[in-house]
Amino acid sequence: MATPRKIAGENQTSSSSSSNVPNPEGDQRQAFLKELTSADEYHGEKSFYQHLFNVYSYLKSQSLPDEVCDAGLFHSVYGTEFYHFQSATITRDVVRGYIGEYAEELAHIFYRLRKDRFASIVNNTPRWGVRQHLDLCRLEYANFWDGKEDRNVQDQMEILSQTIARLESRKLG
C-alpha cells in the first residue's frame, strides 16, 4: 500500500478526538457549526458536527496546513447529497470570515462536486493545479476515513492514498 506521509496512518478512532488536536478555536466557528447542524445526524450514530470535527481532527493529526484543516471542518457546510442546511447565514462571505479564502474555496469546490465527487477529485476532471488537487484529495480521504466504519470505502481510500503520494512527490519535485 502506498502511504503518503502520514495520511494512511489509521491509529485514531473516528468516534473520539485526539487530545492533542486543538478545538477549532474553541469558539465562534464551533458554535456556528453546532447551531447549523444541531438537528442532523450523520449515518445515525453521531452528530453531523461530530463528523465535521472528526474530519478536521484527522487532518490536524496529519500536520497539514491550517487552511486544509479548516476546509475539513467546513467541508460540508454548504450541504451534501444527503444533508441540506437551510440558513441565510451560510454565504461564501460568512464562511470566508470563519476560515479564510483558500479554505472556503476548497469547501465550496467540495460542495459543488456532489455527484461523482470521488472520480472528479481522483481524476482531476476540473483540472485544478497540483496544490488544490492535493488538498481536495486530502479532504476526500479524511471524509472517507471518518466514515470507514459505516461503509466500505477501503478501495477508495487506497486510490486516494496513491494519488496523494503521487501529488506530494510532484509538489516536492
N, C-alpha and C. Protein backbone atom coordinates (compact mmCIF):
# COMPACT_ATOMS: atom_id res chain seq x y z
N MET A 1 0.85 -1.19 0.00
CA MET A 1 0.00 0.00 0.00
C MET A 1 0.88 1.24 0.00
N ALA A 2 0.63 2.11 -0.92
CA ALA A 2 1.37 3.37 -0.93
C ALA A 2 0.85 4.26 0.18
N THR A 3 1.74 4.78 0.99
CA THR A 3 1.31 5.63 2.09
C THR A 3 1.99 6.98 2.02
N PRO A 4 1.26 7.98 1.59
CA PRO A 4 1.84 9.31 1.55
C PRO A 4 2.00 9.84 2.96
N ARG A 5 3.17 10.36 3.26
CA ARG A 5 3.45 10.91 4.59
C ARG A 5 2.71 10.10 5.63
N LYS A 6 1.86 10.76 6.41
CA LYS A 6 1.13 10.06 7.45
C LYS A 6 -0.33 9.82 7.07
N ILE A 7 -0.73 10.21 5.89
CA ILE A 7 -2.15 10.17 5.52
C ILE A 7 -2.78 8.81 5.77
N ALA A 8 -2.10 7.74 5.50
CA ALA A 8 -2.74 6.44 5.63
C ALA A 8 -2.65 5.87 7.04
N GLY A 9 -2.03 6.57 7.97
CA GLY A 9 -1.97 6.11 9.36
C GLY A 9 -3.36 6.12 9.96
N GLU A 10 -3.81 5.00 10.44
CA GLU A 10 -5.19 4.87 10.88
C GLU A 10 -5.27 4.48 12.35
N ASN A 11 -4.41 5.06 13.19
CA ASN A 11 -4.39 4.64 14.58
C ASN A 11 -5.31 5.45 15.47
N GLN A 12 -6.14 6.30 14.92
CA GLN A 12 -7.13 7.02 15.71
C GLN A 12 -8.50 6.44 15.40
N THR A 13 -9.39 6.53 16.35
CA THR A 13 -10.76 6.13 16.07
C THR A 13 -11.55 7.35 15.68
N SER A 14 -12.52 7.15 14.85
CA SER A 14 -13.29 8.29 14.37
C SER A 14 -14.30 8.78 15.39
N SER A 15 -14.59 8.01 16.41
CA SER A 15 -15.61 8.45 17.36
C SER A 15 -15.05 9.31 18.48
N SER A 16 -13.74 9.35 18.65
CA SER A 16 -13.18 10.20 19.69
C SER A 16 -12.08 11.04 19.10
N SER A 17 -12.01 12.27 19.55
CA SER A 17 -10.97 13.15 19.03
C SER A 17 -9.72 13.00 19.86
N SER A 18 -8.59 13.17 19.22
CA SER A 18 -7.31 13.06 19.87
C SER A 18 -7.12 14.22 20.83
N SER A 19 -6.53 13.95 21.99
CA SER A 19 -6.37 15.01 22.99
C SER A 19 -5.37 16.06 22.54
N ASN A 20 -4.50 15.75 21.59
CA ASN A 20 -3.54 16.75 21.14
C ASN A 20 -4.06 17.57 19.96
N VAL A 21 -5.30 17.33 19.55
CA VAL A 21 -5.90 18.11 18.47
C VAL A 21 -6.66 19.27 19.10
N PRO A 22 -6.26 20.49 18.79
CA PRO A 22 -6.94 21.63 19.40
C PRO A 22 -8.37 21.78 18.89
N ASN A 23 -9.22 22.28 19.76
CA ASN A 23 -10.56 22.62 19.29
C ASN A 23 -10.43 23.71 18.25
N PRO A 24 -11.27 23.69 17.25
CA PRO A 24 -11.19 24.72 16.22
C PRO A 24 -11.53 26.08 16.82
N GLU A 25 -10.54 26.65 17.44
CA GLU A 25 -10.62 27.94 18.11
C GLU A 25 -11.67 27.94 19.19
N GLY A 26 -12.06 26.83 19.68
CA GLY A 26 -12.96 26.57 20.75
C GLY A 26 -14.22 27.39 20.78
N ASP A 27 -14.70 27.92 19.90
CA ASP A 27 -15.07 29.28 19.64
C ASP A 27 -16.28 29.50 18.77
N GLN A 28 -16.21 30.59 18.03
CA GLN A 28 -17.30 31.01 17.15
C GLN A 28 -17.52 30.02 16.01
N ARG A 29 -16.45 29.48 15.46
CA ARG A 29 -16.61 28.50 14.36
C ARG A 29 -17.37 27.29 14.86
N GLN A 30 -16.94 26.81 16.02
CA GLN A 30 -17.58 25.65 16.62
C GLN A 30 -19.05 25.94 16.91
N ALA A 31 -19.34 27.08 17.50
CA ALA A 31 -20.73 27.45 17.82
C ALA A 31 -21.57 27.58 16.55
N PHE A 32 -21.01 28.20 15.52
CA PHE A 32 -21.71 28.36 14.25
C PHE A 32 -22.07 27.00 13.66
N LEU A 33 -21.10 26.09 13.61
CA LEU A 33 -21.35 24.77 13.02
C LEU A 33 -22.31 23.94 13.87
N LYS A 34 -22.16 24.01 15.19
CA LYS A 34 -23.07 23.25 16.05
C LYS A 34 -24.51 23.73 15.89
N GLU A 35 -24.70 25.03 15.82
CA GLU A 35 -26.05 25.57 15.63
C GLU A 35 -26.61 25.16 14.27
N LEU A 36 -25.79 25.24 13.26
CA LEU A 36 -26.20 24.92 11.90
C LEU A 36 -26.58 23.45 11.74
N THR A 37 -25.85 22.57 12.41
CA THR A 37 -26.01 21.13 12.20
C THR A 37 -26.68 20.42 13.38
N SER A 38 -27.18 21.15 14.34
CA SER A 38 -27.66 20.55 15.59
C SER A 38 -28.74 19.49 15.41
N ALA A 39 -29.58 19.64 14.43
CA ALA A 39 -30.68 18.69 14.26
C ALA A 39 -30.31 17.51 13.37
N ASP A 40 -29.10 17.49 12.85
CA ASP A 40 -28.74 16.48 11.87
C ASP A 40 -27.83 15.41 12.45
N GLU A 41 -28.14 14.16 12.09
CA GLU A 41 -27.28 13.04 12.45
C GLU A 41 -26.53 12.60 11.21
N TYR A 42 -25.34 12.08 11.43
CA TYR A 42 -24.51 11.59 10.34
C TYR A 42 -24.55 10.07 10.39
N HIS A 43 -25.21 9.46 9.45
CA HIS A 43 -25.33 8.00 9.38
C HIS A 43 -25.82 7.40 10.70
N GLY A 44 -26.64 8.14 11.46
CA GLY A 44 -27.33 7.61 12.61
C GLY A 44 -26.58 7.45 13.91
N GLU A 45 -25.25 7.46 13.91
CA GLU A 45 -24.52 7.16 15.13
C GLU A 45 -23.89 8.37 15.79
N LYS A 46 -23.64 9.38 15.05
CA LYS A 46 -23.00 10.57 15.61
C LYS A 46 -23.63 11.80 14.98
N SER A 47 -23.40 12.92 15.62
CA SER A 47 -23.95 14.15 15.06
C SER A 47 -23.18 14.53 13.81
N PHE A 48 -23.81 15.32 12.98
CA PHE A 48 -23.12 15.79 11.78
C PHE A 48 -21.94 16.67 12.18
N TYR A 49 -22.12 17.45 13.25
CA TYR A 49 -20.99 18.25 13.74
C TYR A 49 -19.81 17.34 14.11
N GLN A 50 -20.09 16.21 14.76
CA GLN A 50 -19.00 15.30 15.15
C GLN A 50 -18.26 14.81 13.91
N HIS A 51 -18.99 14.55 12.84
CA HIS A 51 -18.32 14.16 11.59
C HIS A 51 -17.40 15.29 11.11
N LEU A 52 -17.91 16.52 11.08
CA LEU A 52 -17.09 17.65 10.64
C LEU A 52 -15.84 17.78 11.52
N PHE A 53 -16.03 17.65 12.83
CA PHE A 53 -14.90 17.76 13.75
C PHE A 53 -13.93 16.60 13.57
N ASN A 54 -14.43 15.39 13.32
CA ASN A 54 -13.54 14.24 13.10
C ASN A 54 -12.68 14.44 11.86
N VAL A 55 -13.27 14.97 10.79
CA VAL A 55 -12.50 15.24 9.57
C VAL A 55 -11.41 16.26 9.88
N TYR A 56 -11.77 17.33 10.57
CA TYR A 56 -10.81 18.36 10.99
C TYR A 56 -9.69 17.74 11.83
N SER A 57 -10.07 16.92 12.81
CA SER A 57 -9.09 16.31 13.72
C SER A 57 -8.13 15.39 12.97
N TYR A 58 -8.67 14.63 12.03
CA TYR A 58 -7.81 13.75 11.24
C TYR A 58 -6.78 14.57 10.46
N LEU A 59 -7.24 15.61 9.80
CA LEU A 59 -6.32 16.45 9.01
C LEU A 59 -5.28 17.10 9.92
N LYS A 60 -5.70 17.57 11.11
CA LYS A 60 -4.76 18.14 12.08
C LYS A 60 -3.72 17.10 12.49
N SER A 61 -4.16 15.87 12.70
CA SER A 61 -3.24 14.81 13.13
C SER A 61 -2.18 14.50 12.08
N GLN A 62 -2.45 14.91 10.85
CA GLN A 62 -1.50 14.70 9.75
C GLN A 62 -0.55 15.89 9.60
N SER A 63 -0.66 16.87 10.49
CA SER A 63 0.18 18.08 10.46
C SER A 63 0.03 18.84 9.14
N LEU A 64 -1.18 18.88 8.63
CA LEU A 64 -1.44 19.61 7.40
C LEU A 64 -1.65 21.09 7.71
N PRO A 65 -1.51 21.95 6.71
CA PRO A 65 -1.69 23.39 6.94
C PRO A 65 -3.08 23.70 7.51
N ASP A 66 -3.14 24.73 8.33
CA ASP A 66 -4.41 25.11 8.97
C ASP A 66 -5.53 25.31 7.96
N GLU A 67 -5.21 25.89 6.81
CA GLU A 67 -6.28 26.15 5.84
C GLU A 67 -6.89 24.84 5.30
N VAL A 68 -6.11 23.78 5.21
CA VAL A 68 -6.64 22.48 4.79
C VAL A 68 -7.50 21.90 5.91
N CYS A 69 -7.01 22.00 7.14
CA CYS A 69 -7.78 21.50 8.29
C CYS A 69 -9.09 22.27 8.44
N ASP A 70 -9.02 23.59 8.27
CA ASP A 70 -10.23 24.41 8.36
C ASP A 70 -11.22 24.06 7.26
N ALA A 71 -10.73 23.79 6.07
CA ALA A 71 -11.60 23.35 4.98
C ALA A 71 -12.27 22.03 5.37
N GLY A 72 -11.53 21.16 6.05
CA GLY A 72 -12.11 19.91 6.53
C GLY A 72 -13.22 20.14 7.53
N LEU A 73 -13.04 21.10 8.42
CA LEU A 73 -14.06 21.41 9.41
C LEU A 73 -15.34 21.91 8.74
N PHE A 74 -15.19 22.64 7.65
CA PHE A 74 -16.34 23.23 6.96
C PHE A 74 -16.65 22.52 5.63
N HIS A 75 -16.12 21.32 5.42
CA HIS A 75 -16.20 20.70 4.09
C HIS A 75 -17.63 20.46 3.60
N SER A 76 -18.58 20.37 4.49
CA SER A 76 -19.97 20.13 4.06
C SER A 76 -20.91 21.23 4.52
N VAL A 77 -20.38 22.39 4.84
CA VAL A 77 -21.20 23.47 5.38
C VAL A 77 -22.26 23.95 4.39
N TYR A 78 -22.00 23.80 3.11
CA TYR A 78 -22.98 24.22 2.10
C TYR A 78 -24.00 23.13 1.81
N GLY A 79 -23.83 21.96 2.41
CA GLY A 79 -24.73 20.84 2.20
C GLY A 79 -24.05 19.71 1.45
N THR A 80 -24.74 18.59 1.38
CA THR A 80 -24.24 17.42 0.66
C THR A 80 -25.42 16.82 -0.11
N GLU A 81 -25.19 15.69 -0.73
CA GLU A 81 -26.29 14.99 -1.40
C GLU A 81 -27.41 14.66 -0.42
N PHE A 82 -27.03 14.39 0.83
CA PHE A 82 -27.99 13.90 1.82
C PHE A 82 -28.39 14.94 2.86
N TYR A 83 -27.58 15.97 3.04
CA TYR A 83 -27.84 16.98 4.06
C TYR A 83 -27.96 18.35 3.41
N HIS A 84 -29.08 18.99 3.67
CA HIS A 84 -29.33 20.32 3.10
C HIS A 84 -29.62 21.27 4.25
N PHE A 85 -28.69 22.14 4.51
CA PHE A 85 -28.85 23.09 5.61
C PHE A 85 -29.55 24.33 5.09
N GLN A 86 -30.65 24.66 5.70
CA GLN A 86 -31.41 25.84 5.30
C GLN A 86 -31.09 26.97 6.26
N SER A 87 -30.25 27.88 5.82
CA SER A 87 -29.90 29.01 6.66
C SER A 87 -29.41 30.16 5.81
N ALA A 88 -29.93 31.32 6.09
CA ALA A 88 -29.47 32.52 5.38
C ALA A 88 -28.08 32.92 5.82
N THR A 89 -27.60 32.32 6.92
CA THR A 89 -26.26 32.68 7.41
C THR A 89 -25.15 31.98 6.66
N ILE A 90 -25.49 31.02 5.80
CA ILE A 90 -24.45 30.31 5.05
C ILE A 90 -24.22 30.99 3.72
N THR A 91 -23.32 31.93 3.71
CA THR A 91 -22.90 32.55 2.46
C THR A 91 -21.40 32.35 2.35
N ARG A 92 -20.91 32.48 1.17
CA ARG A 92 -19.47 32.32 0.97
C ARG A 92 -18.69 33.36 1.76
N ASP A 93 -19.20 34.57 1.84
CA ASP A 93 -18.52 35.62 2.61
C ASP A 93 -18.48 35.28 4.10
N VAL A 94 -19.58 34.77 4.64
CA VAL A 94 -19.60 34.38 6.05
C VAL A 94 -18.60 33.27 6.30
N VAL A 95 -18.61 32.25 5.45
CA VAL A 95 -17.68 31.13 5.63
C VAL A 95 -16.24 31.60 5.50
N ARG A 96 -15.96 32.46 4.53
CA ARG A 96 -14.60 33.04 4.39
C ARG A 96 -14.18 33.75 5.67
N GLY A 97 -15.12 34.42 6.30
CA GLY A 97 -14.82 35.11 7.55
C GLY A 97 -14.40 34.17 8.67
N TYR A 98 -14.91 32.95 8.65
CA TYR A 98 -14.54 31.96 9.66
C TYR A 98 -13.24 31.24 9.33
N ILE A 99 -13.01 30.93 8.04
CA ILE A 99 -11.88 30.04 7.72
C ILE A 99 -10.91 30.59 6.69
N GLY A 100 -11.18 31.72 6.11
CA GLY A 100 -10.25 32.29 5.13
C GLY A 100 -10.60 31.90 3.71
N GLU A 101 -9.97 32.60 2.78
CA GLU A 101 -10.32 32.47 1.36
C GLU A 101 -10.00 31.10 0.77
N TYR A 102 -8.76 30.61 0.97
CA TYR A 102 -8.39 29.34 0.34
C TYR A 102 -9.18 28.18 0.93
N ALA A 103 -9.34 28.14 2.24
CA ALA A 103 -10.10 27.06 2.88
C ALA A 103 -11.55 27.08 2.41
N GLU A 104 -12.13 28.27 2.29
CA GLU A 104 -13.51 28.36 1.81
C GLU A 104 -13.61 27.88 0.37
N GLU A 105 -12.62 28.23 -0.44
CA GLU A 105 -12.63 27.78 -1.84
C GLU A 105 -12.62 26.25 -1.91
N LEU A 106 -11.79 25.61 -1.08
CA LEU A 106 -11.77 24.14 -1.04
C LEU A 106 -13.13 23.58 -0.62
N ALA A 107 -13.71 24.16 0.44
CA ALA A 107 -15.02 23.69 0.92
C ALA A 107 -16.10 23.88 -0.15
N HIS A 108 -16.04 24.98 -0.86
CA HIS A 108 -17.05 25.25 -1.89
C HIS A 108 -16.88 24.30 -3.08
N ILE A 109 -15.66 24.04 -3.47
CA ILE A 109 -15.42 23.07 -4.55
C ILE A 109 -15.94 21.70 -4.12
N PHE A 110 -15.64 21.30 -2.89
CA PHE A 110 -16.09 20.01 -2.36
C PHE A 110 -17.62 19.93 -2.45
N TYR A 111 -18.29 20.99 -2.11
CA TYR A 111 -19.75 21.06 -2.19
C TYR A 111 -20.24 20.93 -3.64
N ARG A 112 -19.62 21.64 -4.54
CA ARG A 112 -20.07 21.62 -5.94
C ARG A 112 -19.89 20.26 -6.59
N LEU A 113 -19.01 19.44 -6.07
CA LEU A 113 -18.73 18.11 -6.65
C LEU A 113 -19.59 17.02 -6.02
N ARG A 114 -20.83 17.31 -5.71
CA ARG A 114 -21.68 16.34 -5.03
C ARG A 114 -21.79 15.02 -5.78
N LYS A 115 -22.08 15.06 -7.04
CA LYS A 115 -22.21 13.83 -7.84
C LYS A 115 -20.84 13.45 -8.38
N ASP A 116 -20.50 12.19 -8.25
CA ASP A 116 -19.22 11.66 -8.74
C ASP A 116 -18.01 12.43 -8.20
N ARG A 117 -18.11 12.88 -6.95
CA ARG A 117 -17.02 13.66 -6.35
C ARG A 117 -15.72 12.87 -6.32
N PHE A 118 -15.78 11.62 -5.90
CA PHE A 118 -14.56 10.81 -5.79
C PHE A 118 -13.84 10.75 -7.14
N ALA A 119 -14.55 10.39 -8.20
CA ALA A 119 -13.93 10.28 -9.52
C ALA A 119 -13.41 11.62 -10.01
N SER A 120 -14.17 12.67 -9.79
CA SER A 120 -13.73 14.01 -10.22
C SER A 120 -12.45 14.42 -9.51
N ILE A 121 -12.38 14.13 -8.21
CA ILE A 121 -11.19 14.50 -7.44
C ILE A 121 -9.99 13.65 -7.86
N VAL A 122 -10.15 12.35 -7.87
CA VAL A 122 -9.01 11.47 -8.20
C VAL A 122 -8.50 11.75 -9.61
N ASN A 123 -9.41 11.90 -10.56
CA ASN A 123 -9.01 12.11 -11.95
C ASN A 123 -8.74 13.57 -12.30
N ASN A 124 -8.96 14.46 -11.34
CA ASN A 124 -8.75 15.89 -11.55
C ASN A 124 -9.49 16.37 -12.81
N THR A 125 -10.73 15.96 -12.91
CA THR A 125 -11.54 16.32 -14.08
C THR A 125 -11.60 17.83 -14.32
N PRO A 126 -11.77 18.65 -13.26
CA PRO A 126 -11.80 20.10 -13.49
C PRO A 126 -10.44 20.73 -13.78
N ARG A 127 -9.37 19.97 -13.67
CA ARG A 127 -8.01 20.45 -13.96
C ARG A 127 -7.52 21.53 -12.99
N TRP A 128 -7.57 21.22 -11.69
CA TRP A 128 -7.01 22.12 -10.68
C TRP A 128 -5.50 22.07 -10.76
N GLY A 129 -4.86 23.04 -10.17
CA GLY A 129 -3.41 23.00 -10.01
C GLY A 129 -3.04 21.91 -9.01
N VAL A 130 -1.76 21.59 -8.92
CA VAL A 130 -1.29 20.49 -8.06
C VAL A 130 -1.70 20.71 -6.60
N ARG A 131 -1.50 21.92 -6.08
CA ARG A 131 -1.81 22.18 -4.67
C ARG A 131 -3.28 21.94 -4.37
N GLN A 132 -4.17 22.51 -5.18
CA GLN A 132 -5.60 22.36 -4.93
C GLN A 132 -6.04 20.91 -5.11
N HIS A 133 -5.50 20.24 -6.12
CA HIS A 133 -5.83 18.83 -6.34
C HIS A 133 -5.41 18.00 -5.13
N LEU A 134 -4.19 18.22 -4.66
CA LEU A 134 -3.68 17.50 -3.49
C LEU A 134 -4.56 17.76 -2.27
N ASP A 135 -4.90 19.00 -2.02
CA ASP A 135 -5.70 19.33 -0.84
C ASP A 135 -7.11 18.75 -0.93
N LEU A 136 -7.70 18.72 -2.11
CA LEU A 136 -9.02 18.10 -2.27
C LEU A 136 -8.94 16.59 -2.07
N CYS A 137 -7.87 15.96 -2.52
CA CYS A 137 -7.67 14.53 -2.24
C CYS A 137 -7.57 14.29 -0.74
N ARG A 138 -6.85 15.16 -0.04
CA ARG A 138 -6.72 15.03 1.41
C ARG A 138 -8.08 15.17 2.10
N LEU A 139 -8.88 16.13 1.65
CA LEU A 139 -10.23 16.30 2.22
C LEU A 139 -11.08 15.06 1.99
N GLU A 140 -11.07 14.56 0.77
CA GLU A 140 -11.88 13.38 0.46
C GLU A 140 -11.40 12.17 1.27
N TYR A 141 -10.08 12.02 1.41
CA TYR A 141 -9.54 10.92 2.20
C TYR A 141 -10.03 11.02 3.65
N ALA A 142 -9.91 12.20 4.25
CA ALA A 142 -10.34 12.39 5.63
C ALA A 142 -11.84 12.16 5.78
N ASN A 143 -12.62 12.56 4.79
CA ASN A 143 -14.06 12.34 4.79
C ASN A 143 -14.36 10.84 4.79
N PHE A 144 -13.67 10.09 3.95
CA PHE A 144 -13.83 8.63 3.93
C PHE A 144 -13.32 8.02 5.22
N TRP A 145 -12.20 8.53 5.73
CA TRP A 145 -11.61 7.99 6.96
C TRP A 145 -12.65 8.01 8.08
N ASP A 146 -13.38 9.11 8.20
CA ASP A 146 -14.36 9.18 9.28
C ASP A 146 -15.56 8.27 9.03
N GLY A 147 -15.85 7.93 7.79
CA GLY A 147 -16.99 7.08 7.50
C GLY A 147 -16.65 5.62 7.28
N LYS A 148 -15.38 5.26 7.46
CA LYS A 148 -14.94 3.91 7.09
C LYS A 148 -15.62 2.81 7.90
N GLU A 149 -16.11 3.12 9.08
CA GLU A 149 -16.78 2.09 9.88
C GLU A 149 -18.24 1.92 9.49
N ASP A 150 -18.78 2.93 8.79
CA ASP A 150 -20.19 2.89 8.39
C ASP A 150 -20.39 2.35 6.98
N ARG A 151 -19.34 2.39 6.18
CA ARG A 151 -19.47 1.95 4.78
C ARG A 151 -18.13 1.45 4.29
N ASN A 152 -18.16 0.66 3.24
CA ASN A 152 -16.94 0.07 2.70
C ASN A 152 -16.26 1.05 1.75
N VAL A 153 -15.23 1.71 2.24
CA VAL A 153 -14.54 2.72 1.44
C VAL A 153 -13.04 2.45 1.35
N GLN A 154 -12.62 1.25 1.70
CA GLN A 154 -11.19 0.95 1.70
C GLN A 154 -10.56 1.09 0.32
N ASP A 155 -11.25 0.64 -0.71
CA ASP A 155 -10.70 0.77 -2.07
C ASP A 155 -10.51 2.23 -2.45
N GLN A 156 -11.50 3.05 -2.15
CA GLN A 156 -11.39 4.48 -2.45
C GLN A 156 -10.25 5.12 -1.66
N MET A 157 -10.11 4.73 -0.40
CA MET A 157 -9.04 5.28 0.44
C MET A 157 -7.67 4.88 -0.12
N GLU A 158 -7.55 3.66 -0.61
CA GLU A 158 -6.28 3.22 -1.20
C GLU A 158 -5.96 4.03 -2.46
N ILE A 159 -6.94 4.23 -3.30
CA ILE A 159 -6.73 5.03 -4.52
C ILE A 159 -6.35 6.46 -4.16
N LEU A 160 -7.04 7.04 -3.19
CA LEU A 160 -6.70 8.40 -2.75
C LEU A 160 -5.30 8.45 -2.16
N SER A 161 -4.94 7.45 -1.39
CA SER A 161 -3.61 7.39 -0.79
C SER A 161 -2.53 7.39 -1.87
N GLN A 162 -2.74 6.61 -2.91
CA GLN A 162 -1.78 6.56 -4.02
C GLN A 162 -1.74 7.89 -4.77
N THR A 163 -2.90 8.49 -4.97
CA THR A 163 -2.96 9.78 -5.66
C THR A 163 -2.26 10.86 -4.84
N ILE A 164 -2.48 10.85 -3.54
CA ILE A 164 -1.83 11.82 -2.65
C ILE A 164 -0.32 11.66 -2.71
N ALA A 165 0.16 10.41 -2.65
CA ALA A 165 1.61 10.16 -2.71
C ALA A 165 2.19 10.69 -4.02
N ARG A 166 1.50 10.43 -5.12
CA ARG A 166 1.97 10.91 -6.42
C ARG A 166 2.00 12.44 -6.48
N LEU A 167 0.95 13.07 -5.98
CA LEU A 167 0.89 14.54 -6.00
C LEU A 167 1.92 15.16 -5.06
N GLU A 168 2.13 14.55 -3.91
CA GLU A 168 3.16 15.07 -2.99
C GLU A 168 4.54 15.00 -3.62
N SER A 169 4.82 13.92 -4.35
CA SER A 169 6.14 13.82 -4.99
C SER A 169 6.26 14.85 -6.12
N ARG A 170 5.17 15.12 -6.82
CA ARG A 170 5.18 16.16 -7.87
C ARG A 170 5.39 17.54 -7.27
N LYS A 171 4.73 17.77 -6.14
CA LYS A 171 4.82 19.08 -5.48
C LYS A 171 6.23 19.33 -4.96
N LEU A 172 6.86 18.27 -4.46
CA LEU A 172 8.22 18.40 -3.92
C LEU A 172 9.26 18.44 -5.03
N GLY A 173 8.94 17.83 -6.16
CA GLY A 173 9.91 17.70 -7.24
C GLY A 173 9.90 18.80 -8.19
